[in-house]
Amino acid sequence: MMKRAWNLHPLEAPWSHIKFSLWQLVHLTTFVRYELDIANTLERDDLEGVLNPQLWSIPVDFRGSLAVYFLLFVTGFWRPLPRRLFFTLVTFWWFFLGQWDLFAFTSGMCVAEHLYGNIEETKGAIRLSSDSEPSDRSIRSAVNQGWNKIQPSTAFNYIWKPSAFIGGLFLMSLPDDGPLGAEYHFLLAIPTSPWWTVTEIFNRCWTGLGATLVIITIANTKWLQCPLDSQLLQYMGRISYPVYVIHFGVYFSFKWPLQNLFWYIARGEGYPGSEAACLNRGALTFTWVGSLLTCITIMIILGDLFEKHVDGIARYAGKWFDQQVTEQPK
């Protein structure tokens, strides 16, 4: 696998990448195929020389978006309380089946429902005939208000928030490959689905649960939200996915030219290779730092352009589609 990664030719096989992306896009929209190993892309023989294996995440993102749209469409006229319960059940169903990507999407939807689901009527909402019955409406309103006003005790808050945050970080630190450390052996004793036969699915499900716990804790803790509200972190969050998508191609496209350039500046000759370069640590440090900072700068610039011109168009298209589907006829 490492040999294949180091011998990629990013600019020579764009069609291979297009075929790979289309295959993933069609294949991953099958919700009922539980044994899919959607993350282990570098083990596939047909990926040698592709432009960017990181783009496997785009069809996964598409599949998760379809699941979210479908659930929102099905529960569009439901009351807040049964909708939340249904979302929670569906989320843990995906977790049980080992569908870590769908679990991540629907758990995020549960967090959003928890934060904003108390808004029962939005602009353009369609009133149902049952809304005109005062007795039913008053009962439902009382139940929903009671649900939204449930406030855990102060002692419970002091316990569950740190526990969820630390436990989430602990699960997120689960290794992607290799044997489990002794501190994670207790996870093997927890009964899981028979579909959790692939080690990678096992790891990603638990790390997904850890990420969900961390996000829930942050959503309910103001002092954890303050650092994340800074302009720098908000900007880095916006371009994080574009940077992830393009960083592989940037690294393998610019690594060797930049190494040769900075080594030539330092020593007046071409880069001699890792073993010979280690004999001159000053020039090696200069080359390594210069190449790293230049690659990071290129990644940020391309990620910013990707976010503005590609993600921006996608967001506009999504909003247009949403308006076409949800807008009431005049």
C-alpha atoms as a PDB file:
ATOM      1  CA  MET A   1       0.000   0.000   0.000  1.00  0.00           C
ATOM      2  CA  MET A   2       2.795   2.434   0.828  1.00  0.00           C
ATOM      3  CA  LYS A   3       4.588   1.602  -2.404  1.00  0.00           C
ATOM      4  CA  ARG A   4       1.435   2.346  -4.362  1.00  0.00           C
ATOM      5  CA  ALA A   5       0.914   5.641  -2.528  1.00  0.00           C
ATOM      6  CA  TRP A   6       4.472   6.821  -3.206  1.00  0.00           C
ATOM      7  CA  ASN A   7       4.255   5.990  -6.914  1.00  0.00           C
ATOM      8  CA  LEU A   8       1.086   7.908  -7.739  1.00  0.00           C
ATOM      9  CA  HIS A   9       1.085  10.065 -10.842  1.00  0.00           C
ATOM     10  CA  PRO A  10      -1.645  12.619 -10.064  1.00  0.00           C
ATOM     11  CA  LEU A  11      -1.737  14.343 -13.431  1.00  0.00           C
ATOM     12  CA  GLU A  12      -1.659  11.218 -15.601  1.00  0.00           C
ATOM     13  CA  ALA A  13      -4.826   9.402 -14.536  1.00  0.00           C
ATOM     14  CA  PRO A  14      -7.763  11.805 -14.104  1.00  0.00           C
ATOM     15  CA  TRP A  15     -10.118   9.406 -15.918  1.00  0.00           C
ATOM     16  CA  SER A  16      -9.304   6.645 -13.414  1.00  0.00           C
ATOM     17  CA  HIS A  17     -10.360   8.945 -10.630  1.00  0.00           C
ATOM     18  CA  ILE A  18     -13.593   9.922 -12.424  1.00  0.00           C
ATOM     19  CA  LYS A  19     -14.509   6.249 -12.896  1.00  0.00           C
ATOM     20  CA  PHE A  20     -13.703   5.558  -9.259  1.00  0.00           C
ATOM     21  CA  SER A  21     -15.864   8.444  -8.048  1.00  0.00           C
ATOM     22  CA  LEU A  22     -18.803   7.434 -10.224  1.00  0.00           C
ATOM     23  CA  TRP A  23     -18.533   3.827  -9.055  1.00  0.00           C
ATOM     24  CA  GLN A  24     -18.506   4.938  -5.421  1.00  0.00           C
ATOM     25  CA  LEU A  25     -21.397   7.325  -5.998  1.00  0.00           C
ATOM     26  CA  VAL A  26     -23.640   4.589  -7.363  1.00  0.00           C
ATOM     27  CA  HIS A  27     -22.426   1.881  -5.005  1.00  0.00           C
ATOM     28  CA  LEU A  28     -22.746   3.871  -1.793  1.00  0.00           C
ATOM     29  CA  THR A  29     -26.332   4.968  -2.365  1.00  0.00           C
ATOM     30  CA  THR A  30     -27.423   1.414  -1.570  1.00  0.00           C
ATOM     31  CA  PHE A  31     -28.628   1.802   2.004  1.00  0.00           C
ATOM     32  CA  VAL A  32     -29.393  -1.880   2.547  1.00  0.00           C
ATOM     33  CA  ARG A  33     -25.901  -3.169   1.791  1.00  0.00           C
ATOM     34  CA  TYR A  34     -24.581  -3.487   5.322  1.00  0.00           C
ATOM     35  CA  GLU A  35     -21.259  -5.142   4.570  1.00  0.00           C
ATOM     36  CA  LEU A  36     -19.850  -2.195   2.604  1.00  0.00           C
ATOM     37  CA  ASP A  37     -16.288  -1.272   3.477  1.00  0.00           C
ATOM     38  CA  ILE A  38     -16.447   2.275   2.180  1.00  0.00           C
ATOM     39  CA  ALA A  39     -13.297   3.622   3.776  1.00  0.00           C
ATOM     40  CA  ASN A  40     -10.630   1.080   2.889  1.00  0.00           C
ATOM     41  CA  THR A  41     -10.004   2.497  -0.570  1.00  0.00           C
ATOM     42  CA  LEU A  42      -6.230   2.176  -0.855  1.00  0.00           C
ATOM     43  CA  GLU A  43      -6.437  -1.625  -0.750  1.00  0.00           C
ATOM     44  CA  ARG A  44      -8.256  -1.767  -4.083  1.00  0.00           C
ATOM     45  CA  ASP A  45      -6.180  -2.670  -7.124  1.00  0.00           C
ATOM     46  CA  ASP A  46      -8.085  -0.348  -9.464  1.00  0.00           C
ATOM     47  CA  LEU A  47      -6.978   2.731  -7.518  1.00  0.00           C
ATOM     48  CA  GLU A  48      -3.341   2.653  -8.591  1.00  0.00           C
ATOM     49  CA  GLY A  49      -2.440   5.983 -10.139  1.00  0.00           C
ATOM     50  CA  VAL A  50      -5.761   7.697  -9.425  1.00  0.00           C
ATOM     51  CA  LEU A  51      -5.821  11.446  -9.056  1.00  0.00           C
ATOM     52  CA  ASN A  52      -6.981  11.606  -5.440  1.00  0.00           C
ATOM     53  CA  PRO A  53      -8.176   8.682  -3.272  1.00  0.00           C
ATOM     54  CA  GLN A  54      -9.481  11.182  -0.689  1.00  0.00           C
ATOM     55  CA  LEU A  55     -12.395  11.922  -2.986  1.00  0.00           C
ATOM     56  CA  TRP A  56     -14.013   8.692  -1.801  1.00  0.00           C
ATOM     57  CA  SER A  57     -15.573  10.945   0.849  1.00  0.00           C
ATOM     58  CA  ILE A  58     -17.686  12.839  -1.722  1.00  0.00           C
ATOM     59  CA  PRO A  59     -20.041   9.921  -2.541  1.00  0.00           C
ATOM     60  CA  VAL A  60     -20.144   9.076   1.169  1.00  0.00           C
ATOM     61  CA  ASP A  61     -21.201  12.666   1.848  1.00  0.00           C
ATOM     62  CA  PHE A  62     -23.803  12.351  -0.916  1.00  0.00           C
ATOM     63  CA  ARG A  63     -25.211   9.155   0.603  1.00  0.00           C
ATOM     64  CA  GLY A  64     -25.433  10.719   4.055  1.00  0.00           C
ATOM     65  CA  SER A  65     -27.163  13.789   2.612  1.00  0.00           C
ATOM     66  CA  LEU A  66     -29.704  11.551   0.894  1.00  0.00           C
ATOM     67  CA  ALA A  67     -30.433   9.823   4.203  1.00  0.00           C
ATOM     68  CA  VAL A  68     -30.909  13.169   5.960  1.00  0.00           C
ATOM     69  CA  TYR A  69     -33.190  14.514   3.222  1.00  0.00           C
ATOM     70  CA  PHE A  70     -35.220  11.311   3.260  1.00  0.00           C
ATOM     71  CA  LEU A  71     -35.712  11.383   7.038  1.00  0.00           C
ATOM     72  CA  LEU A  72     -36.639  15.062   7.003  1.00  0.00           C
ATOM     73  CA  PHE A  73     -39.091  14.429   4.178  1.00  0.00           C
ATOM     74  CA  VAL A  74     -40.727  11.497   5.993  1.00  0.00           C
ATOM     75  CA  THR A  75     -41.024  13.359   9.306  1.00  0.00           C
ATOM     76  CA  GLY A  76     -41.857  16.770   7.869  1.00  0.00           C
ATOM     77  CA  PHE A  77     -45.364  16.814   9.374  1.00  0.00           C
ATOM     78  CA  TRP A  78     -44.492  15.029  12.612  1.00  0.00           C
ATOM     79  CA  ARG A  79     -44.614  16.648  16.008  1.00  0.00           C
ATOM     80  CA  PRO A  80     -41.287  17.473  17.685  1.00  0.00           C
ATOM     81  CA  LEU A  81     -41.400  14.763  20.353  1.00  0.00           C
ATOM     82  CA  PRO A  82     -42.066  11.726  18.110  1.00  0.00           C
ATOM     83  CA  ARG A  83     -39.674  13.138  15.502  1.00  0.00           C
ATOM     84  CA  ARG A  84     -36.853  13.268  18.031  1.00  0.00           C
ATOM     85  CA  LEU A  85     -37.554   9.761  19.254  1.00  0.00           C
ATOM     86  CA  PHE A  86     -37.641   8.475  15.679  1.00  0.00           C
ATOM     87  CA  PHE A  87     -34.345  10.166  14.791  1.00  0.00           C
ATOM     88  CA  THR A  88     -32.729   8.680  17.887  1.00  0.00           C
ATOM     89  CA  LEU A  89     -33.938   5.161  17.046  1.00  0.00           C
ATOM     90  CA  VAL A  90     -32.770   5.437  13.421  1.00  0.00           C
ATOM     91  CA  THR A  91     -29.375   6.748  14.561  1.00  0.00           C
ATOM     92  CA  PHE A  92     -28.707   3.819  16.859  1.00  0.00           C
ATOM     93  CA  TRP A  93     -30.041   1.428  14.222  1.00  0.00           C
ATOM     94  CA  TRP A  94     -27.332   2.600  11.823  1.00  0.00           C
ATOM     95  CA  PHE A  95     -24.805   2.267  14.641  1.00  0.00           C
ATOM     96  CA  PHE A  96     -25.951  -1.295  15.306  1.00  0.00           C
ATOM     97  CA  LEU A  97     -25.632  -2.186  11.616  1.00  0.00           C
ATOM     98  CA  GLY A  98     -22.098  -0.785  11.474  1.00  0.00           C
ATOM     99  CA  GLN A  99     -23.012   1.994   9.026  1.00  0.00           C
ATOM    100  CA  TRP A 100     -20.719   4.518  10.679  1.00  0.00           C
ATOM    101  CA  ASP A 101     -21.151   7.191   8.008  1.00  0.00           C
ATOM    102  CA  LEU A 102     -24.959   7.203   8.194  1.00  0.00           C
ATOM    103  CA  PHE A 103     -24.723   7.098  11.971  1.00  0.00           C
ATOM    104  CA  ALA A 104     -22.553  10.232  11.870  1.00  0.00           C
ATOM    105  CA  PHE A 105     -25.026  12.092   9.661  1.00  0.00           C
ATOM    106  CA  THR A 106     -28.140  11.149  11.620  1.00  0.00           C
ATOM    107  CA  SER A 107     -26.465  11.775  14.986  1.00  0.00           C
ATOM    108  CA  GLY A 108     -25.661  15.281  13.758  1.00  0.00           C
ATOM    109  CA  MET A 109     -29.306  15.641  12.814  1.00  0.00           C
ATOM    110  CA  CYS A 110     -30.269  14.567  16.351  1.00  0.00           C
ATOM    111  CA  VAL A 111     -28.012  17.249  17.815  1.00  0.00           C
ATOM    112  CA  ALA A 112     -29.590  19.878  15.528  1.00  0.00           C
ATOM    113  CA  GLU A 113     -33.056  18.673  16.509  1.00  0.00           C
ATOM    114  CA  HIS A 114     -32.109  18.982  20.171  1.00  0.00           C
ATOM    115  CA  LEU A 115     -30.872  22.546  19.678  1.00  0.00           C
ATOM    116  CA  TYR A 116     -33.507  23.891  17.281  1.00  0.00           C
ATOM    117  CA  GLY A 117     -36.386  21.424  17.363  1.00  0.00           C
ATOM    118  CA  ASN A 118     -38.372  23.480  19.844  1.00  0.00           C
ATOM    119  CA  ILE A 119     -39.331  25.816  17.008  1.00  0.00           C
ATOM    120  CA  GLU A 120     -42.563  24.112  16.000  1.00  0.00           C
ATOM    121  CA  GLU A 121     -43.761  26.446  13.310  1.00  0.00           C
ATOM    122  CA  THR A 122     -41.454  28.101  10.844  1.00  0.00           C
ATOM    123  CA  LYS A 123     -42.084  30.523   8.055  1.00  0.00           C
ATOM    124  CA  GLY A 124     -44.194  28.876   5.386  1.00  0.00           C
ATOM    125  CA  ALA A 125     -45.285  25.969   7.582  1.00  0.00           C
ATOM    126  CA  ILE A 126     -48.444  24.169   6.528  1.00  0.00           C
ATOM    127  CA  ARG A 127     -51.049  23.964   9.255  1.00  0.00           C
ATOM    128  CA  LEU A 128     -52.765  20.605   9.574  1.00  0.00           C
ATOM    129  CA  SER A 129     -56.483  20.212  10.141  1.00  0.00           C
ATOM    130  CA  SER A 130     -55.799  18.770  13.592  1.00  0.00           C
ATOM    131  CA  ASP A 131     -54.216  22.082  14.603  1.00  0.00           C
ATOM    132  CA  SER A 132     -57.679  23.600  14.789  1.00  0.00           C
ATOM    133  CA  GLU A 133     -58.700  21.365  17.688  1.00  0.00           C
ATOM    134  CA  PRO A 134     -57.910  23.331  20.867  1.00  0.00           C
ATOM    135  CA  SER A 135     -57.847  20.346  23.225  1.00  0.00           C
ATOM    136  CA  ASP A 136     -55.389  18.306  21.145  1.00  0.00           C
ATOM    137  CA  ARG A 137     -53.228  21.329  20.486  1.00  0.00           C
ATOM    138  CA  SER A 138     -53.034  22.246  24.165  1.00  0.00           C
ATOM    139  CA  ILE A 139     -52.032  18.689  25.149  1.00  0.00           C
ATOM    140  CA  ARG A 140     -49.346  18.490  22.489  1.00  0.00           C
ATOM    141  CA  SER A 141     -48.077  21.955  23.370  1.00  0.00           C
ATOM    142  CA  ALA A 142     -47.815  21.015  27.034  1.00  0.00           C
ATOM    143  CA  VAL A 143     -45.896  17.814  26.228  1.00  0.00           C
ATOM    144  CA  ASN A 144     -43.505  19.593  23.853  1.00  0.00           C
ATOM    145  CA  GLN A 145     -42.903  22.468  26.261  1.00  0.00           C
ATOM    146  CA  GLY A 146     -42.300  20.013  29.068  1.00  0.00           C
ATOM    147  CA  TRP A 147     -39.766  18.131  26.897  1.00  0.00           C
ATOM    148  CA  ASN A 148     -37.947  21.319  25.957  1.00  0.00           C
ATOM    149  CA  LYS A 149     -37.839  22.624  29.531  1.00  0.00           C
ATOM    150  CA  ILE A 150     -36.319  19.500  31.048  1.00  0.00           C
ATOM    151  CA  GLN A 151     -33.200  20.773  32.773  1.00  0.00           C
ATOM    152  CA  PRO A 152     -30.844  18.289  34.447  1.00  0.00           C
ATOM    153  CA  SER A 153     -29.801  19.097  37.976  1.00  0.00           C
ATOM    154  CA  THR A 154     -26.620  21.052  38.556  1.00  0.00           C
ATOM    155  CA  ALA A 155     -24.923  18.009  40.052  1.00  0.00           C
ATOM    156  CA  PHE A 156     -25.860  15.920  37.037  1.00  0.00           C
ATOM    157  CA  ASN A 157     -24.484  18.593  34.694  1.00  0.00           C
ATOM    158  CA  TYR A 158     -21.172  18.565  36.542  1.00  0.00           C
ATOM    159  CA  ILE A 159     -21.027  14.792  36.023  1.00  0.00           C
ATOM    160  CA  TRP A 160     -22.336  14.103  32.520  1.00  0.00           C
ATOM    161  CA  LYS A 161     -20.637  16.918  30.622  1.00  0.00           C
ATOM    162  CA  PRO A 162     -17.034  16.145  31.669  1.00  0.00           C
ATOM    163  CA  SER A 163     -17.735  12.409  31.409  1.00  0.00           C
ATOM    164  CA  ALA A 164     -19.170  12.707  27.900  1.00  0.00           C
ATOM    165  CA  PHE A 165     -16.356  15.005  26.759  1.00  0.00           C
ATOM    166  CA  ILE A 166     -13.538  12.858  28.154  1.00  0.00           C
ATOM    167  CA  GLY A 167     -15.219   9.645  27.023  1.00  0.00           C
ATOM    168  CA  GLY A 168     -15.714  11.068  23.541  1.00  0.00           C
ATOM    169  CA  LEU A 169     -12.067  12.081  23.246  1.00  0.00           C
ATOM    170  CA  PHE A 170     -11.080   8.631  24.519  1.00  0.00           C
ATOM    171  CA  LEU A 171     -13.130   6.898  21.796  1.00  0.00           C
ATOM    172  CA  MET A 172     -11.893   9.313  19.121  1.00  0.00           C
ATOM    173  CA  SER A 173      -8.341   8.258  19.994  1.00  0.00           C
ATOM    174  CA  LEU A 174      -9.084   4.685  18.953  1.00  0.00           C
ATOM    175  CA  PRO A 175      -6.380   3.618  16.445  1.00  0.00           C
ATOM    176  CA  ASP A 176      -7.430   3.255  12.804  1.00  0.00           C
ATOM    177  CA  ASP A 177      -5.459   0.052  12.311  1.00  0.00           C
ATOM    178  CA  GLY A 178      -3.376  -2.414  14.229  1.00  0.00           C
ATOM    179  CA  PRO A 179      -4.289  -4.253  17.434  1.00  0.00           C
ATOM    180  CA  LEU A 180      -6.381  -2.545  20.098  1.00  0.00           C
ATOM    181  CA  GLY A 181      -4.537  -1.217  23.102  1.00  0.00           C
ATOM    182  CA  ALA A 182      -5.222  -2.728  26.494  1.00  0.00           C
ATOM    183  CA  GLU A 183      -7.304   0.314  27.455  1.00  0.00           C
ATOM    184  CA  TYR A 184      -9.787  -0.453  24.648  1.00  0.00           C
ATOM    185  CA  HIS A 185     -10.226  -4.188  25.257  1.00  0.00           C
ATOM    186  CA  PHE A 186     -13.469  -3.605  27.157  1.00  0.00           C
ATOM    187  CA  LEU A 187     -15.105  -2.587  23.851  1.00  0.00           C
ATOM    188  CA  LEU A 188     -14.682  -6.151  22.609  1.00  0.00           C
ATOM    189  CA  ALA A 189     -16.909  -7.400  25.436  1.00  0.00           C
ATOM    190  CA  ILE A 190     -19.821  -5.175  24.358  1.00  0.00           C
ATOM    191  CA  PRO A 191     -22.347  -7.098  22.208  1.00  0.00           C
ATOM    192  CA  THR A 192     -22.375  -5.683  18.710  1.00  0.00           C
ATOM    193  CA  SER A 193     -23.934  -6.442  15.357  1.00  0.00           C
ATOM    194  CA  PRO A 194     -22.725  -9.416  13.265  1.00  0.00           C
ATOM    195  CA  TRP A 195     -21.938  -6.862  10.565  1.00  0.00           C
ATOM    196  CA  TRP A 196     -19.077  -5.537  12.700  1.00  0.00           C
ATOM    197  CA  THR A 197     -16.752  -8.177  11.306  1.00  0.00           C
ATOM    198  CA  VAL A 198     -14.351  -5.720   9.672  1.00  0.00           C
ATOM    199  CA  THR A 199     -11.904  -4.106  12.077  1.00  0.00           C
ATOM    200  CA  GLU A 200     -12.150  -0.768  10.303  1.00  0.00           C
ATOM    201  CA  ILE A 201     -15.944  -0.675  10.698  1.00  0.00           C
ATOM    202  CA  PHE A 202     -15.554  -1.521  14.397  1.00  0.00           C
ATOM    203  CA  ASN A 203     -13.068   1.317  14.906  1.00  0.00           C
ATOM    204  CA  ARG A 204     -14.999   3.890  12.899  1.00  0.00           C
ATOM    205  CA  CYS A 205     -18.280   3.166  14.672  1.00  0.00           C
ATOM    206  CA  TRP A 206     -16.750   3.760  18.092  1.00  0.00           C
ATOM    207  CA  THR A 207     -14.811   6.845  16.973  1.00  0.00           C
ATOM    208  CA  GLY A 208     -18.042   8.160  15.408  1.00  0.00           C
ATOM    209  CA  LEU A 209     -19.803   7.687  18.736  1.00  0.00           C
ATOM    210  CA  GLY A 210     -16.945   9.498  20.464  1.00  0.00           C
ATOM    211  CA  ALA A 211     -17.206  12.423  18.041  1.00  0.00           C
ATOM    212  CA  THR A 212     -20.951  12.597  18.688  1.00  0.00           C
ATOM    213  CA  LEU A 213     -20.392  12.754  22.446  1.00  0.00           C
ATOM    214  CA  VAL A 214     -17.844  15.553  22.020  1.00  0.00           C
ATOM    215  CA  ILE A 215     -20.181  17.569  19.770  1.00  0.00           C
ATOM    216  CA  ILE A 216     -23.125  17.117  22.153  1.00  0.00           C
ATOM    217  CA  THR A 217     -20.978  18.319  25.046  1.00  0.00           C
ATOM    218  CA  ILE A 218     -19.772  21.365  23.114  1.00  0.00           C
ATOM    219  CA  ALA A 219     -23.355  22.163  22.056  1.00  0.00           C
ATOM    220  CA  ASN A 220     -24.394  22.247  25.717  1.00  0.00           C
ATOM    221  CA  THR A 221     -21.322  23.999  27.169  1.00  0.00           C
ATOM    222  CA  LYS A 222     -20.856  27.697  26.416  1.00  0.00           C
ATOM    223  CA  TRP A 223     -17.245  27.941  27.586  1.00  0.00           C
ATOM    224  CA  LEU A 224     -16.273  25.228  25.089  1.00  0.00           C
ATOM    225  CA  GLN A 225     -18.039  27.133  22.320  1.00  0.00           C
ATOM    226  CA  CYS A 226     -16.180  30.404  22.877  1.00  0.00           C
ATOM    227  CA  PRO A 227     -12.817  29.342  21.355  1.00  0.00           C
ATOM    228  CA  LEU A 228     -14.616  27.771  18.394  1.00  0.00           C
ATOM    229  CA  ASP A 229     -16.448  31.028  17.660  1.00  0.00           C
ATOM    230  CA  SER A 230     -13.223  32.854  16.753  1.00  0.00           C
ATOM    231  CA  GLN A 231     -12.931  34.006  13.153  1.00  0.00           C
ATOM    232  CA  LEU A 232      -9.792  31.948  12.539  1.00  0.00           C
ATOM    233  CA  LEU A 233     -11.298  28.644  13.685  1.00  0.00           C
ATOM    234  CA  GLN A 234     -14.562  29.368  11.870  1.00  0.00           C
ATOM    235  CA  TYR A 235     -12.600  29.976   8.672  1.00  0.00           C
ATOM    236  CA  MET A 236     -10.496  26.833   9.159  1.00  0.00           C
ATOM    237  CA  GLY A 237     -13.694  24.890   9.768  1.00  0.00           C
ATOM    238  CA  ARG A 238     -15.173  26.112   6.490  1.00  0.00           C
ATOM    239  CA  ILE A 239     -12.147  25.080   4.447  1.00  0.00           C
ATOM    240  CA  SER A 240     -11.316  21.906   6.414  1.00  0.00           C
ATOM    241  CA  TYR A 241     -13.161  19.565   4.071  1.00  0.00           C
ATOM    242  CA  PRO A 242     -11.824  21.160   0.860  1.00  0.00           C
ATOM    243  CA  VAL A 243      -8.303  20.953   2.322  1.00  0.00           C
ATOM    244  CA  TYR A 244      -8.848  17.276   3.142  1.00  0.00           C
ATOM    245  CA  VAL A 245     -10.033  16.610  -0.401  1.00  0.00           C
ATOM    246  CA  ILE A 246      -7.149  18.341  -2.190  1.00  0.00           C
ATOM    247  CA  HIS A 247      -4.228  17.818   0.216  1.00  0.00           C
ATOM    248  CA  PHE A 248      -3.251  14.430  -1.229  1.00  0.00           C
ATOM    249  CA  GLY A 249      -2.893  15.769  -4.766  1.00  0.00           C
ATOM    250  CA  VAL A 250      -1.058  18.900  -3.579  1.00  0.00           C
ATOM    251  CA  TYR A 251       1.422  16.887  -1.528  1.00  0.00           C
ATOM    252  CA  PHE A 252       2.367  14.424  -4.247  1.00  0.00           C
ATOM    253  CA  SER A 253       2.346  17.071  -6.979  1.00  0.00           C
ATOM    254  CA  PHE A 254       4.596  19.600  -5.206  1.00  0.00           C
ATOM    255  CA  LYS A 255       6.667  17.491  -2.817  1.00  0.00           C
ATOM    256  CA  TRP A 256       9.618  16.688  -5.054  1.00  0.00           C
ATOM    257  CA  PRO A 257       9.780  20.039  -6.924  1.00  0.00           C
ATOM    258  CA  LEU A 258       9.772  21.916  -3.608  1.00  0.00           C
ATOM    259  CA  GLN A 259      12.396  19.648  -2.094  1.00  0.00           C
ATOM    260  CA  ASN A 260      14.673  20.215  -5.071  1.00  0.00           C
ATOM    261  CA  LEU A 261      14.011  23.963  -4.982  1.00  0.00           C
ATOM    262  CA  PHE A 262      14.765  24.504  -1.285  1.00  0.00           C
ATOM    263  CA  TRP A 263      17.730  22.138  -1.311  1.00  0.00           C
ATOM    264  CA  TYR A 264      19.137  23.998  -4.305  1.00  0.00           C
ATOM    265  CA  ILE A 265      18.714  27.301  -2.395  1.00  0.00           C
ATOM    266  CA  ALA A 266      20.521  25.831   0.625  1.00  0.00           C
ATOM    267  CA  ARG A 267      23.231  23.771  -1.099  1.00  0.00           C
ATOM    268  CA  GLY A 268      23.318  24.816  -4.751  1.00  0.00           C
ATOM    269  CA  GLU A 269      22.531  21.296  -6.006  1.00  0.00           C
ATOM    270  CA  GLY A 270      19.600  18.953  -6.532  1.00  0.00           C
ATOM    271  CA  TYR A 271      18.079  17.052  -3.640  1.00  0.00           C
ATOM    272  CA  PRO A 272      20.308  13.987  -3.119  1.00  0.00           C
ATOM    273  CA  GLY A 273      17.767  11.750  -1.362  1.00  0.00           C
ATOM    274  CA  SER A 274      16.846  11.176   2.270  1.00  0.00           C
ATOM    275  CA  GLU A 275      19.960   9.264   3.334  1.00  0.00           C
ATOM    276  CA  ALA A 276      22.432  11.754   1.899  1.00  0.00           C
ATOM    277  CA  ALA A 277      20.329  14.714   3.055  1.00  0.00           C
ATOM    278  CA  CYS A 278      20.499  13.510   6.671  1.00  0.00           C
ATOM    279  CA  LEU A 279      24.243  14.187   6.639  1.00  0.00           C
ATOM    280  CA  ASN A 280      23.527  17.935   6.407  1.00  0.00           C
ATOM    281  CA  ARG A 281      20.892  18.619   9.046  1.00  0.00           C
ATOM    282  CA  GLY A 282      20.835  22.369   8.571  1.00  0.00           C
ATOM    283  CA  ALA A 283      19.955  22.160   4.880  1.00  0.00           C
ATOM    284  CA  LEU A 284      17.555  19.268   5.575  1.00  0.00           C
ATOM    285  CA  THR A 285      15.690  21.290   8.216  1.00  0.00           C
ATOM    286  CA  PHE A 286      15.492  24.299   5.891  1.00  0.00           C
ATOM    287  CA  THR A 287      14.216  22.107   3.040  1.00  0.00           C
ATOM    288  CA  TRP A 288      11.695  20.279   5.207  1.00  0.00           C
ATOM    289  CA  VAL A 289      10.287  23.422   6.845  1.00  0.00           C
ATOM    290  CA  GLY A 290      10.186  25.363   3.567  1.00  0.00           C
ATOM    291  CA  SER A 291       8.475  22.543   1.681  1.00  0.00           C
ATOM    292  CA  LEU A 292       5.982  21.995   4.500  1.00  0.00           C
ATOM    293  CA  LEU A 293       5.005  25.656   4.828  1.00  0.00           C
ATOM    294  CA  THR A 294       4.714  26.066   1.062  1.00  0.00           C
ATOM    295  CA  CYS A 295       2.512  22.966   0.732  1.00  0.00           C
ATOM    296  CA  ILE A 296       0.294  24.139   3.595  1.00  0.00           C
ATOM    297  CA  THR A 297      -0.025  27.577   1.983  1.00  0.00           C
ATOM    298  CA  ILE A 298      -0.991  26.028  -1.359  1.00  0.00           C
ATOM    299  CA  MET A 299      -3.525  23.758   0.378  1.00  0.00           C
ATOM    300  CA  ILE A 300      -5.140  26.693   2.180  1.00  0.00           C
ATOM    301  CA  ILE A 301      -5.325  28.809  -0.995  1.00  0.00           C
ATOM    302  CA  LEU A 302      -6.820  25.967  -3.041  1.00  0.00           C
ATOM    303  CA  GLY A 303      -9.132  25.032  -0.161  1.00  0.00           C
ATOM    304  CA  ASP A 304     -10.381  28.628   0.013  1.00  0.00           C
ATOM    305  CA  LEU A 305     -11.013  28.698  -3.741  1.00  0.00           C
ATOM    306  CA  PHE A 306     -12.745  25.308  -3.537  1.00  0.00           C
ATOM    307  CA  GLU A 307     -14.975  26.511  -0.691  1.00  0.00           C
ATOM    308  CA  LYS A 308     -15.950  29.701  -2.497  1.00  0.00           C
ATOM    309  CA  HIS A 309     -16.494  28.411  -6.023  1.00  0.00           C
ATOM    310  CA  VAL A 310     -17.340  24.713  -5.652  1.00  0.00           C
ATOM    311  CA  ASP A 311     -18.962  24.481  -2.241  1.00  0.00           C
ATOM    312  CA  GLY A 312     -20.678  27.806  -2.843  1.00  0.00           C
ATOM    313  CA  ILE A 313     -22.321  26.541  -6.022  1.00  0.00           C
ATOM    314  CA  ALA A 314     -23.307  23.313  -4.263  1.00  0.00           C
ATOM    315  CA  ARG A 315     -24.896  25.245  -1.376  1.00  0.00           C
ATOM    316  CA  TYR A 316     -26.788  27.453  -3.810  1.00  0.00           C
ATOM    317  CA  ALA A 317     -28.054  24.411  -5.708  1.00  0.00           C
ATOM    318  CA  GLY A 318     -29.104  22.754  -2.440  1.00  0.00           C
ATOM    319  CA  LYS A 319     -31.027  25.828  -1.290  1.00  0.00           C
ATOM    320  CA  TRP A 320     -32.699  26.137  -4.693  1.00  0.00           C
ATOM    321  CA  PHE A 321     -33.754  22.486  -4.584  1.00  0.00           C
ATOM    322  CA  ASP A 322     -35.054  22.897  -1.039  1.00  0.00           C
ATOM    323  CA  GLN A 323     -37.114  25.919  -2.052  1.00  0.00           C
ATOM    324  CA  GLN A 324     -38.554  24.109  -5.041  1.00  0.00           C
ATOM    325  CA  VAL A 325     -39.584  21.157  -2.897  1.00  0.00           C
ATOM    326  CA  THR A 326     -40.884  22.978   0.171  1.00  0.00           C
ATOM    327  CA  GLU A 327     -42.351  26.173  -1.290  1.00  0.00           C
ATOM    328  CA  GLN A 328     -46.135  26.269  -1.119  1.00  0.00           C
ATOM    329  CA  PRO A 329     -47.978  26.811  -4.408  1.00  0.00           C
ATOM    330  CA  LYS A 330     -49.554  30.239  -4.692  1.00  0.00           C
END
